[in-house]
PDB file of N, CA and C in Angstrom:
ATOM      1  N   MET A   1      -8.968 -24.597  -8.632  1.00  0.00           N
ATOM      2  CA  MET A   1      -9.831 -25.726  -8.389  1.00  0.00           C
ATOM      3  C   MET A   1      -9.038 -26.863  -7.746  1.00  0.00           C
ATOM      4  N   ILE A   2      -7.854 -27.104  -8.250  1.00  0.00           N
ATOM      5  CA  ILE A   2      -7.028 -28.184  -7.686  1.00  0.00           C
ATOM      6  C   ILE A   2      -6.602 -27.829  -6.268  1.00  0.00           C
ATOM      7  N   TYR A   3      -6.278 -26.559  -6.036  1.00  0.00           N
ATOM      8  CA  TYR A   3      -5.928 -26.109  -4.692  1.00  0.00           C
ATOM      9  C   TYR A   3      -7.100 -26.322  -3.743  1.00  0.00           C
ATOM     10  N   GLY A   4      -8.307 -26.040  -4.206  1.00  0.00           N
ATOM     11  CA  GLY A   4      -9.493 -26.225  -3.380  1.00  0.00           C
ATOM     12  C   GLY A   4      -9.735 -27.675  -3.040  1.00  0.00           C
ATOM     13  N   LEU A   5      -9.508 -28.557  -3.987  1.00  0.00           N
ATOM     14  CA  LEU A   5      -9.674 -29.992  -3.713  1.00  0.00           C
ATOM     15  C   LEU A   5      -8.607 -30.502  -2.746  1.00  0.00           C
ATOM     16  N   HIS A   6      -7.438 -29.938  -2.843  1.00  0.00           N
ATOM     17  CA  HIS A   6      -6.333 -30.374  -1.991  1.00  0.00           C
ATOM     18  C   HIS A   6      -6.503 -29.903  -0.539  1.00  0.00           C
ATOM     19  N   SER A   7      -6.974 -28.681  -0.350  1.00  0.00           N
ATOM     20  CA  SER A   7      -7.007 -28.120   1.002  1.00  0.00           C
ATOM     21  C   SER A   7      -8.309 -28.358   1.748  1.00  0.00           C
ATOM     22  N   GLY A   8      -9.365 -28.754   1.089  1.00  0.00           N
ATOM     23  CA  GLY A   8     -10.615 -29.040   1.767  1.00  0.00           C
ATOM     24  C   GLY A   8     -11.628 -27.914   1.618  1.00  0.00           C
ATOM     25  N   ARG A   9     -12.874 -28.227   1.976  1.00  0.00           N
ATOM     26  CA  ARG A   9     -13.976 -27.289   1.777  1.00  0.00           C
ATOM     27  C   ARG A   9     -13.870 -26.067   2.682  1.00  0.00           C
ATOM     28  N   VAL A  10     -13.587 -26.272   3.948  1.00  0.00           N
ATOM     29  CA  VAL A  10     -13.563 -25.153   4.905  1.00  0.00           C
ATOM     30  C   VAL A  10     -12.443 -24.177   4.557  1.00  0.00           C
ATOM     31  N   SER A  11     -11.271 -24.684   4.273  1.00  0.00           N
ATOM     32  CA  SER A  11     -10.149 -23.829   3.914  1.00  0.00           C
ATOM     33  C   SER A  11     -10.412 -23.097   2.603  1.00  0.00           C
ATOM     34  N   SER A  12     -11.025 -23.766   1.644  1.00  0.00           N
ATOM     35  CA  SER A  12     -11.339 -23.129   0.360  1.00  0.00           C
ATOM     36  C   SER A  12     -12.356 -22.014   0.534  1.00  0.00           C
ATOM     37  N   LEU A  13     -13.371 -22.233   1.374  1.00  0.00           N
ATOM     38  CA  LEU A  13     -14.366 -21.190   1.621  1.00  0.00           C
ATOM     39  C   LEU A  13     -13.755 -19.997   2.346  1.00  0.00           C
ATOM     40  N   ARG A  14     -12.836 -20.254   3.264  1.00  0.00           N
ATOM     41  CA  ARG A  14     -12.146 -19.150   3.948  1.00  0.00           C
ATOM     42  C   ARG A  14     -11.305 -18.350   2.959  1.00  0.00           C
ATOM     43  N   TRP A  15     -10.618 -19.052   2.084  1.00  0.00           N
ATOM     44  CA  TRP A  15      -9.800 -18.383   1.079  1.00  0.00           C
ATOM     45  C   TRP A  15     -10.667 -17.551   0.142  1.00  0.00           C
ATOM     46  N   LEU A  16     -11.789 -18.128  -0.294  1.00  0.00           N
ATOM     47  CA  LEU A  16     -12.696 -17.408  -1.182  1.00  0.00           C
ATOM     48  C   LEU A  16     -13.284 -16.179  -0.491  1.00  0.00           C
ATOM     49  N   LEU A  17     -13.644 -16.305   0.765  1.00  0.00           N
ATOM     50  CA  LEU A  17     -14.179 -15.172   1.513  1.00  0.00           C
ATOM     51  C   LEU A  17     -13.126 -14.077   1.679  1.00  0.00           C
ATOM     52  N   SER A  18     -11.894 -14.475   1.973  1.00  0.00           N
ATOM     53  CA  SER A  18     -10.839 -13.466   2.126  1.00  0.00           C
ATOM     54  C   SER A  18     -10.555 -12.753   0.809  1.00  0.00           C
ATOM     55  N   MET A  19     -10.610 -13.457  -0.304  1.00  0.00           N
ATOM     56  CA  MET A  19     -10.414 -12.820  -1.604  1.00  0.00           C
ATOM     57  C   MET A  19     -11.557 -11.856  -1.919  1.00  0.00           C
ATOM     58  N   ALA A  20     -12.793 -12.244  -1.593  1.00  0.00           N
ATOM     59  CA  ALA A  20     -13.941 -11.369  -1.850  1.00  0.00           C
ATOM     60  C   ALA A  20     -13.869 -10.110  -0.990  1.00  0.00           C
ATOM     61  N   VAL A  21     -13.504 -10.264   0.284  1.00  0.00           N
ATOM     62  CA  VAL A  21     -13.382  -9.107   1.171  1.00  0.00           C
ATOM     63  C   VAL A  21     -12.250  -8.196   0.702  1.00  0.00           C
ATOM     64  N   SER A  22     -11.139  -8.771   0.286  1.00  0.00           N
ATOM     65  CA  SER A  22     -10.017  -7.981  -0.212  1.00  0.00           C
ATOM     66  C   SER A  22     -10.393  -7.217  -1.475  1.00  0.00           C
ATOM     67  N   LEU A  23     -11.105  -7.853  -2.380  1.00  0.00           N
ATOM     68  CA  LEU A  23     -11.534  -7.180  -3.596  1.00  0.00           C
ATOM     69  C   LEU A  23     -12.499  -6.041  -3.283  1.00  0.00           C
ATOM     70  N   ALA A  24     -13.473  -6.300  -2.415  1.00  0.00           N
ATOM     71  CA  ALA A  24     -14.440  -5.263  -2.052  1.00  0.00           C
ATOM     72  C   ALA A  24     -13.747  -4.092  -1.354  1.00  0.00           C
ATOM     73  N   GLU A  25     -12.799  -4.381  -0.478  1.00  0.00           N
ATOM     74  CA  GLU A  25     -12.056  -3.321   0.223  1.00  0.00           C
ATOM     75  C   GLU A  25     -11.255  -2.481  -0.762  1.00  0.00           C
ATOM     76  N   SER A  26     -10.664  -3.129  -1.734  1.00  0.00           N
ATOM     77  CA  SER A  26      -9.868  -2.401  -2.716  1.00  0.00           C
ATOM     78  C   SER A  26     -10.758  -1.540  -3.607  1.00  0.00           C
ATOM     79  N   VAL A  27     -11.869  -2.090  -4.069  1.00  0.00           N
ATOM     80  CA  VAL A  27     -12.738  -1.368  -4.996  1.00  0.00           C
ATOM     81  C   VAL A  27     -13.484  -0.235  -4.313  1.00  0.00           C
ATOM     82  N   PHE A  28     -13.990  -0.465  -3.097  1.00  0.00           N
ATOM     83  CA  PHE A  28     -14.862   0.518  -2.463  1.00  0.00           C
ATOM     84  C   PHE A  28     -14.175   1.435  -1.459  1.00  0.00           C
ATOM     85  N   ILE A  29     -12.967   1.092  -0.989  1.00  0.00           N
ATOM     86  CA  ILE A  29     -12.321   1.925   0.028  1.00  0.00           C
ATOM     87  C   ILE A  29     -10.970   2.443  -0.453  1.00  0.00           C
ATOM     88  N   THR A  30     -10.043   1.559  -0.733  1.00  0.00           N
ATOM     89  CA  THR A  30      -8.669   1.960  -1.021  1.00  0.00           C
ATOM     90  C   THR A  30      -8.548   2.784  -2.297  1.00  0.00           C
ATOM     91  N   GLN A  31      -9.061   2.269  -3.412  1.00  0.00           N
ATOM     92  CA  GLN A  31      -8.910   2.971  -4.687  1.00  0.00           C
ATOM     93  C   GLN A  31      -9.642   4.316  -4.715  1.00  0.00           C
ATOM     94  N   PRO A  32     -10.893   4.404  -4.210  1.00  0.00           N
ATOM     95  CA  PRO A  32     -11.516   5.741  -4.178  1.00  0.00           C
ATOM     96  C   PRO A  32     -10.769   6.741  -3.296  1.00  0.00           C
ATOM     97  N   LEU A  33     -10.207   6.279  -2.180  1.00  0.00           N
ATOM     98  CA  LEU A  33      -9.436   7.189  -1.344  1.00  0.00           C
ATOM     99  C   LEU A  33      -8.187   7.686  -2.065  1.00  0.00           C
ATOM    100  N   LYS A  34      -7.544   6.832  -2.818  1.00  0.00           N
ATOM    101  CA  LYS A  34      -6.376   7.248  -3.598  1.00  0.00           C
ATOM    102  C   LYS A  34      -6.764   8.295  -4.630  1.00  0.00           C
ATOM    103  N   VAL A  35      -7.859   8.037  -5.333  1.00  0.00           N
ATOM    104  CA  VAL A  35      -8.300   8.986  -6.362  1.00  0.00           C
ATOM    105  C   VAL A  35      -8.656  10.326  -5.728  1.00  0.00           C
ATOM    106  N   LEU A  36      -9.406  10.309  -4.632  1.00  0.00           N
ATOM    107  CA  LEU A  36      -9.773  11.559  -3.967  1.00  0.00           C
ATOM    108  C   LEU A  36      -8.544  12.303  -3.447  1.00  0.00           C
ATOM    109  N   GLY A  37      -7.608  11.576  -2.869  1.00  0.00           N
ATOM    110  CA  GLY A  37      -6.397  12.209  -2.345  1.00  0.00           C
ATOM    111  C   GLY A  37      -5.570  12.872  -3.437  1.00  0.00           C
ATOM    112  N   PHE A  38      -5.338  12.155  -4.526  1.00  0.00           N
ATOM    113  CA  PHE A  38      -4.539  12.713  -5.609  1.00  0.00           C
ATOM    114  C   PHE A  38      -5.265  13.853  -6.314  1.00  0.00           C
ATOM    115  N   SER A  39      -6.581  13.723  -6.479  1.00  0.00           N
ATOM    116  CA  SER A  39      -7.308  14.815  -7.141  1.00  0.00           C
ATOM    117  C   SER A  39      -7.341  16.060  -6.259  1.00  0.00           C
ATOM    118  N   ALA A  40      -7.450  15.894  -4.934  1.00  0.00           N
ATOM    119  CA  ALA A  40      -7.406  17.061  -4.045  1.00  0.00           C
ATOM    120  C   ALA A  40      -6.033  17.716  -4.086  1.00  0.00           C
ATOM    121  N   PHE A  41      -4.984  16.906  -4.113  1.00  0.00           N
ATOM    122  CA  PHE A  41      -3.626  17.439  -4.189  1.00  0.00           C
ATOM    123  C   PHE A  41      -3.425  18.253  -5.463  1.00  0.00           C
ATOM    124  N   PHE A  42      -3.825  17.696  -6.594  1.00  0.00           N
ATOM    125  CA  PHE A  42      -3.623  18.400  -7.852  1.00  0.00           C
ATOM    126  C   PHE A  42      -4.575  19.574  -8.016  1.00  0.00           C
ATOM    127  N   ALA A  43      -5.743  19.518  -7.372  1.00  0.00           N
ATOM    128  CA  ALA A  43      -6.621  20.691  -7.389  1.00  0.00           C
ATOM    129  C   ALA A  43      -5.955  21.859  -6.665  1.00  0.00           C
ATOM    130  N   LEU A  44      -5.290  21.566  -5.551  1.00  0.00           N
ATOM    131  CA  LEU A  44      -4.562  22.617  -4.838  1.00  0.00           C
ATOM    132  C   LEU A  44      -3.400  23.158  -5.661  1.00  0.00           C
ATOM    133  N   VAL A  45      -2.695  22.262  -6.324  1.00  0.00           N
ATOM    134  CA  VAL A  45      -1.570  22.698  -7.161  1.00  0.00           C
ATOM    135  C   VAL A  45      -2.054  23.584  -8.305  1.00  0.00           C
ATOM    136  N   LEU A  46      -3.142  23.175  -8.956  1.00  0.00           N
ATOM    137  CA  LEU A  46      -3.654  23.977 -10.064  1.00  0.00           C
ATOM    138  C   LEU A  46      -4.245  25.298  -9.573  1.00  0.00           C
ATOM    139  N   ARG A  47      -4.837  25.295  -8.380  1.00  0.00           N
ATOM    140  CA  ARG A  47      -5.350  26.548  -7.833  1.00  0.00           C
ATOM    141  C   ARG A  47      -4.206  27.509  -7.550  1.00  0.00           C
ATOM    142  N   ARG A  48      -3.103  26.986  -7.027  1.00  0.00           N
ATOM    143  CA  ARG A  48      -1.931  27.839  -6.792  1.00  0.00           C
ATOM    144  C   ARG A  48      -1.388  28.367  -8.117  1.00  0.00           C
ATOM    145  N   ALA A  49      -1.401  27.512  -9.143  1.00  0.00           N
ATOM    146  CA  ALA A  49      -0.920  27.950 -10.453  1.00  0.00           C
ATOM    147  C   ALA A  49      -1.821  29.048 -11.010  1.00  0.00           C
ATOM    148  N   ASP A  50      -3.135  28.934 -10.789  1.00  0.00           N
ATOM    149  CA  ASP A  50      -4.049  29.990 -11.238  1.00  0.00           C
ATOM    150  C   ASP A  50      -3.814  31.286 -10.475  1.00  0.00           C
ATOM    151  N   ASP A  51      -3.547  31.177  -9.166  1.00  0.00           N
ATOM    152  CA  ASP A  51      -3.258  32.371  -8.376  1.00  0.00           C
ATOM    153  C   ASP A  51      -1.961  33.036  -8.829  1.00  0.00           C
ATOM    154  N   GLU A  52      -0.962  32.225  -9.157  1.00  0.00           N
ATOM    155  CA  GLU A  52       0.310  32.769  -9.616  1.00  0.00           C
ATOM    156  C   GLU A  52       0.210  33.326 -11.028  1.00  0.00           C
ATOM    157  N   GLU A  53      -0.796  32.864 -11.787  1.00  0.00           N
ATOM    158  CA  GLU A  53      -0.962  33.350 -13.159  1.00  0.00           C
ATOM    159  C   GLU A  53      -1.283  34.840 -13.165  1.00  0.00           C
ATOM    160  N   GLU A  54      -2.020  35.272 -12.190  1.00  0.00           N
ATOM    161  CA  GLU A  54      -2.352  36.692 -12.139  1.00  0.00           C
ATOM    162  C   GLU A  54      -1.107  37.536 -11.908  1.00  0.00           C
ATOM    163  N   LEU A  55      -0.153  36.992 -11.143  1.00  0.00           N
ATOM    164  CA  LEU A  55       1.054  37.755 -10.844  1.00  0.00           C
ATOM    165  C   LEU A  55       2.090  37.651 -11.947  1.00  0.00           C
ATOM    166  N   GLU A  56       2.333  36.416 -12.415  1.00  0.00           N
ATOM    167  CA  GLU A  56       3.381  36.199 -13.407  1.00  0.00           C
ATOM    168  C   GLU A  56       2.824  35.346 -14.532  1.00  0.00           C
ATOM    169  N   LEU A  57       2.381  35.927 -15.593  1.00  0.00           N
ATOM    170  CA  LEU A  57       1.774  35.218 -16.704  1.00  0.00           C
ATOM    171  C   LEU A  57       2.743  34.298 -17.453  1.00  0.00           C
ATOM    172  N   PRO A  58       3.985  34.677 -17.711  1.00  0.00           N
ATOM    173  CA  PRO A  58       4.887  33.770 -18.434  1.00  0.00           C
ATOM    174  C   PRO A  58       5.237  32.499 -17.649  1.00  0.00           C
ATOM    175  N   LEU A  59       5.108  32.519 -16.340  1.00  0.00           N
ATOM    176  CA  LEU A  59       5.452  31.347 -15.533  1.00  0.00           C
ATOM    177  C   LEU A  59       4.477  30.206 -15.762  1.00  0.00           C
ATOM    178  N   LEU A  60       3.225  30.508 -16.098  1.00  0.00           N
ATOM    179  CA  LEU A  60       2.214  29.468 -16.266  1.00  0.00           C
ATOM    180  C   LEU A  60       2.577  28.497 -17.381  1.00  0.00           C
ATOM    181  N   GLY A  61       3.104  28.993 -18.465  1.00  0.00           N
ATOM    182  CA  GLY A  61       3.496  28.111 -19.558  1.00  0.00           C
ATOM    183  C   GLY A  61       4.590  27.140 -19.156  1.00  0.00           C
ATOM    184  N   HIS A  62       5.515  27.596 -18.336  1.00  0.00           N
ATOM    185  CA  HIS A  62       6.591  26.717 -17.867  1.00  0.00           C
ATOM    186  C   HIS A  62       6.124  25.818 -16.732  1.00  0.00           C
ATOM    187  N   LEU A  63       5.119  26.218 -15.999  1.00  0.00           N
ATOM    188  CA  LEU A  63       4.644  25.452 -14.855  1.00  0.00           C
ATOM    189  C   LEU A  63       3.674  24.355 -15.267  1.00  0.00           C
ATOM    190  N   SER A  64       2.917  24.564 -16.341  1.00  0.00           N
ATOM    191  CA  SER A  64       1.895  23.586 -16.701  1.00  0.00           C
ATOM    192  C   SER A  64       2.505  22.256 -17.136  1.00  0.00           C
ATOM    193  N   GLY A  65       3.627  22.266 -17.815  1.00  0.00           N
ATOM    194  CA  GLY A  65       4.272  21.012 -18.230  1.00  0.00           C
ATOM    195  C   GLY A  65       4.665  20.135 -17.060  1.00  0.00           C
ATOM    196  N   PRO A  66       5.425  20.653 -16.094  1.00  0.00           N
ATOM    197  CA  PRO A  66       5.788  19.817 -14.946  1.00  0.00           C
ATOM    198  C   PRO A  66       4.586  19.382 -14.103  1.00  0.00           C
ATOM    199  N   VAL A  67       3.557  20.218 -14.023  1.00  0.00           N
ATOM    200  CA  VAL A  67       2.372  19.831 -13.247  1.00  0.00           C
ATOM    201  C   VAL A  67       1.689  18.644 -13.903  1.00  0.00           C
ATOM    202  N   TYR A  68       1.503  18.694 -15.214  1.00  0.00           N
ATOM    203  CA  TYR A  68       0.867  17.577 -15.897  1.00  0.00           C
ATOM    204  C   TYR A  68       1.750  16.337 -15.900  1.00  0.00           C
ATOM    205  N   LEU A  69       3.042  16.488 -16.045  1.00  0.00           N
ATOM    206  CA  LEU A  69       3.939  15.335 -15.956  1.00  0.00           C
ATOM    207  C   LEU A  69       3.910  14.724 -14.561  1.00  0.00           C
ATOM    208  N   GLY A  70       3.844  15.580 -13.545  1.00  0.00           N
ATOM    209  CA  GLY A  70       3.714  15.081 -12.172  1.00  0.00           C
ATOM    210  C   GLY A  70       2.419  14.328 -11.977  1.00  0.00           C
ATOM    211  N   PHE A  71       1.341  14.844 -12.548  1.00  0.00           N
ATOM    212  CA  PHE A  71       0.053  14.155 -12.460  1.00  0.00           C
ATOM    213  C   PHE A  71       0.115  12.801 -13.141  1.00  0.00           C
ATOM    214  N   LEU A  72       0.681  12.741 -14.330  1.00  0.00           N
ATOM    215  CA  LEU A  72       0.801  11.460 -15.026  1.00  0.00           C
ATOM    216  C   LEU A  72       1.687  10.484 -14.275  1.00  0.00           C
ATOM    217  N   TRP A  73       2.763  10.981 -13.688  1.00  0.00           N
ATOM    218  CA  TRP A  73       3.655  10.114 -12.914  1.00  0.00           C
ATOM    219  C   TRP A  73       2.923   9.537 -11.708  1.00  0.00           C
ATOM    220  N   MET A  74       2.168  10.372 -10.993  1.00  0.00           N
ATOM    221  CA  MET A  74       1.415   9.891  -9.835  1.00  0.00           C
ATOM    222  C   MET A  74       0.323   8.917 -10.259  1.00  0.00           C
ATOM    223  N   LEU A  75      -0.318   9.170 -11.394  1.00  0.00           N
ATOM    224  CA  LEU A  75      -1.349   8.271 -11.886  1.00  0.00           C
ATOM    225  C   LEU A  75      -0.766   6.900 -12.212  1.00  0.00           C
ATOM    226  N   LEU A  76       0.373   6.879 -12.885  1.00  0.00           N
ATOM    227  CA  LEU A  76       1.020   5.605 -13.182  1.00  0.00           C
ATOM    228  C   LEU A  76       1.510   4.910 -11.922  1.00  0.00           C
ATOM    229  N   LEU A  77       1.969   5.672 -10.962  1.00  0.00           N
ATOM    230  CA  LEU A  77       2.409   5.091  -9.696  1.00  0.00           C
ATOM    231  C   LEU A  77       1.250   4.421  -8.983  1.00  0.00           C
ATOM    232  N   VAL A  78       0.105   5.052  -8.973  1.00  0.00           N
ATOM    233  CA  VAL A  78      -1.069   4.466  -8.331  1.00  0.00           C
ATOM    234  C   VAL A  78      -1.548   3.243  -9.104  1.00  0.00           C
ATOM    235  N   ALA A  79      -1.546   3.333 -10.424  1.00  0.00           N
ATOM    236  CA  ALA A  79      -2.072   2.240 -11.236  1.00  0.00           C
ATOM    237  C   ALA A  79      -1.183   1.000 -11.196  1.00  0.00           C
ATOM    238  N   TYR A  80       0.130   1.194 -11.234  1.00  0.00           N
ATOM    239  CA  TYR A  80       1.031   0.051 -11.323  1.00  0.00           C
ATOM    240  C   TYR A  80       1.903  -0.139 -10.094  1.00  0.00           C
ATOM    241  N   GLY A  81       1.692   0.643  -9.064  1.00  0.00           N
ATOM    242  CA  GLY A  81       2.548   0.570  -7.879  1.00  0.00           C
ATOM    243  C   GLY A  81       2.380  -0.691  -7.069  1.00  0.00           C
ATOM    244  N   GLN A  82       1.198  -1.301  -7.128  1.00  0.00           N
ATOM    245  CA  GLN A  82       0.948  -2.474  -6.302  1.00  0.00           C
ATOM    246  C   GLN A  82       1.134  -3.782  -7.058  1.00  0.00           C
ATOM    247  N   ARG A  83       1.615  -3.704  -8.273  1.00  0.00           N
ATOM    248  CA  ARG A  83       1.847  -4.925  -9.044  1.00  0.00           C
ATOM    249  C   ARG A  83       3.117  -5.614  -8.567  1.00  0.00           C
ATOM    250  N   ASN A  84       3.045  -6.903  -8.457  1.00  0.00           N
ATOM    251  CA  ASN A  84       4.200  -7.692  -8.071  1.00  0.00           C
ATOM    252  C   ASN A  84       5.073  -7.899  -9.306  1.00  0.00           C
ATOM    253  N   PRO A  85       6.363  -7.567  -9.241  1.00  0.00           N
ATOM    254  CA  PRO A  85       7.205  -7.718 -10.435  1.00  0.00           C
ATOM    255  C   PRO A  85       7.385  -9.162 -10.880  1.00  0.00           C
ATOM    256  N   SER A  86       7.170 -10.114 -10.007  1.00  0.00           N
ATOM    257  CA  SER A  86       7.342 -11.507 -10.394  1.00  0.00           C
ATOM    258  C   SER A  86       6.004 -12.193 -10.681  1.00  0.00           C
ATOM    259  N   ALA A  87       4.942 -11.426 -10.929  1.00  0.00           N
ATOM    260  CA  ALA A  87       3.622 -12.008 -11.187  1.00  0.00           C
ATOM    261  C   ALA A  87       3.624 -12.833 -12.477  1.00  0.00           C
ATOM    262  N   TYR A  88       4.340 -12.379 -13.492  1.00  0.00           N
ATOM    263  CA  TYR A  88       4.397 -13.125 -14.749  1.00  0.00           C
ATOM    264  C   TYR A  88       5.021 -14.496 -14.527  1.00  0.00           C
ATOM    265  N   HIS A  89       6.132 -14.545 -13.792  1.00  0.00           N
ATOM    266  CA  HIS A  89       6.811 -15.826 -13.567  1.00  0.00           C
ATOM    267  C   HIS A  89       5.965 -16.746 -12.691  1.00  0.00           C
ATOM    268  N   PHE A  90       5.250 -16.193 -11.726  1.00  0.00           N
ATOM    269  CA  PHE A  90       4.372 -16.991 -10.883  1.00  0.00           C
ATOM    270  C   PHE A  90       3.230 -17.575 -11.711  1.00  0.00           C
ATOM    271  N   ASN A  91       2.640 -16.777 -12.574  1.00  0.00           N
ATOM    272  CA  ASN A  91       1.561 -17.247 -13.432  1.00  0.00           C
ATOM    273  C   ASN A  91       2.055 -18.331 -14.381  1.00  0.00           C
ATOM    274  N   ARG A  92       3.235 -18.116 -14.938  1.00  0.00           N
ATOM    275  CA  ARG A  92       3.812 -19.103 -15.860  1.00  0.00           C
ATOM    276  C   ARG A  92       4.102 -20.422 -15.152  1.00  0.00           C
ATOM    277  N   HIS A  93       4.610 -20.350 -13.920  1.00  0.00           N
ATOM    278  CA  HIS A  93       4.878 -21.565 -13.150  1.00  0.00           C
ATOM    279  C   HIS A  93       3.580 -22.310 -12.846  1.00  0.00           C
ATOM    280  N   LEU A  94       2.549 -21.590 -12.429  1.00  0.00           N
ATOM    281  CA  LEU A  94       1.273 -22.242 -12.143  1.00  0.00           C
ATOM    282  C   LEU A  94       0.690 -22.879 -13.392  1.00  0.00           C
ATOM    283  N   GLU A  95       0.772 -22.183 -14.501  1.00  0.00           N
ATOM    284  CA  GLU A  95       0.229 -22.729 -15.740  1.00  0.00           C
ATOM    285  C   GLU A  95       0.961 -23.999 -16.146  1.00  0.00           C
ATOM    286  N   ARG A  96       2.266 -23.992 -16.039  1.00  0.00           N
ATOM    287  CA  ARG A  96       3.040 -25.177 -16.412  1.00  0.00           C
ATOM    288  C   ARG A  96       2.831 -26.331 -15.446  1.00  0.00           C
ATOM    289  N   SER A  97       2.710 -26.037 -14.150  1.00  0.00           N
ATOM    290  CA  SER A  97       2.571 -27.117 -13.186  1.00  0.00           C
ATOM    291  C   SER A  97       1.168 -27.706 -13.192  1.00  0.00           C
ATOM    292  N   LEU A  98       0.149 -26.910 -13.484  1.00  0.00           N
ATOM    293  CA  LEU A  98      -1.213 -27.421 -13.467  1.00  0.00           C
ATOM    294  C   LEU A  98      -1.633 -28.050 -14.780  1.00  0.00           C
ATOM    295  N   THR A  99      -1.003 -27.678 -15.881  1.00  0.00           N
ATOM    296  CA  THR A  99      -1.395 -28.223 -17.182  1.00  0.00           C
ATOM    297  C   THR A  99      -0.366 -29.194 -17.748  1.00  0.00           C
ATOM    298  N   ARG A 100       0.498 -29.722 -16.898  1.00  0.00           N
ATOM    299  CA  ARG A 100       1.556 -30.615 -17.380  1.00  0.00           C
ATOM    300  C   ARG A 100       0.972 -31.869 -18.025  1.00  0.00           C
ATOM    301  N   GLY A 101      -0.026 -32.506 -17.420  1.00  0.00           N
ATOM    302  CA  GLY A 101      -0.586 -33.751 -17.957  1.00  0.00           C
ATOM    303  C   GLY A 101      -1.633 -33.533 -19.030  1.00  0.00           C
ATOM    304  N   PHE A 102      -2.127 -32.324 -19.215  1.00  0.00           N
ATOM    305  CA  PHE A 102      -3.176 -32.080 -20.183  1.00  0.00           C
ATOM    306  C   PHE A 102      -2.681 -32.074 -21.612  1.00  0.00           C
ATOM    307  N   SER A 103      -1.404 -31.846 -21.836  1.00  0.00           N
ATOM    308  CA  SER A 103      -0.896 -31.790 -23.213  1.00  0.00           C
ATOM    309  C   SER A 103      -1.016 -33.153 -23.897  1.00  0.00           C
ATOM    310  N   ASP A 104      -0.835 -34.241 -23.144  1.00  0.00           N
ATOM    311  CA  ASP A 104      -0.992 -35.588 -23.726  1.00  0.00           C
ATOM    312  C   ASP A 104      -2.448 -35.865 -24.071  1.00  0.00           C
ATOM    313  N   VAL A 105      -3.347 -35.417 -23.235  1.00  0.00           N
ATOM    314  CA  VAL A 105      -4.768 -35.667 -23.455  1.00  0.00           C
ATOM    315  C   VAL A 105      -5.289 -34.837 -24.634  1.00  0.00           C
ATOM    316  N   LEU A 106      -4.895 -33.569 -24.691  1.00  0.00           N
ATOM    317  CA  LEU A 106      -5.414 -32.676 -25.725  1.00  0.00           C
ATOM    318  C   LEU A 106      -4.676 -32.806 -27.058  1.00  0.00           C
ATOM    319  N   GLY A 107      -3.533 -33.455 -27.082  1.00  0.00           N
ATOM    320  CA  GLY A 107      -2.793 -33.668 -28.318  1.00  0.00           C
ATOM    321  C   GLY A 107      -1.922 -32.504 -28.730  1.00  0.00           C
ATOM    322  N   PHE A 108      -1.453 -31.679 -27.801  1.00  0.00           N
ATOM    323  CA  PHE A 108      -0.572 -30.558 -28.135  1.00  0.00           C
ATOM    324  C   PHE A 108       0.837 -31.011 -28.256  1.00  0.00           C
TER     325      PHE A 108
END
């Protein structure tokens, strides 16, 4: 809100529009494509594992662990790969800089 008052109405509306477009692009395009890509990849891997099961049955028990660990690793990479490592410090700085005068008013 303070940023919006400082930069003006036109700049604030442009910023808000860019954030809305970015959110919509992420929700409706980027994230579904990631999910479809990874699920297609792992479907192929599991299909190959099923094909190999007919030939070598003991291999499936050893193969299923790394396949599932690989899936979990890719899932975590997709979920947390785009997080900024300094987001906590940025949030803390904004909170301290914007609420500096409020502690006297609120009695904290």
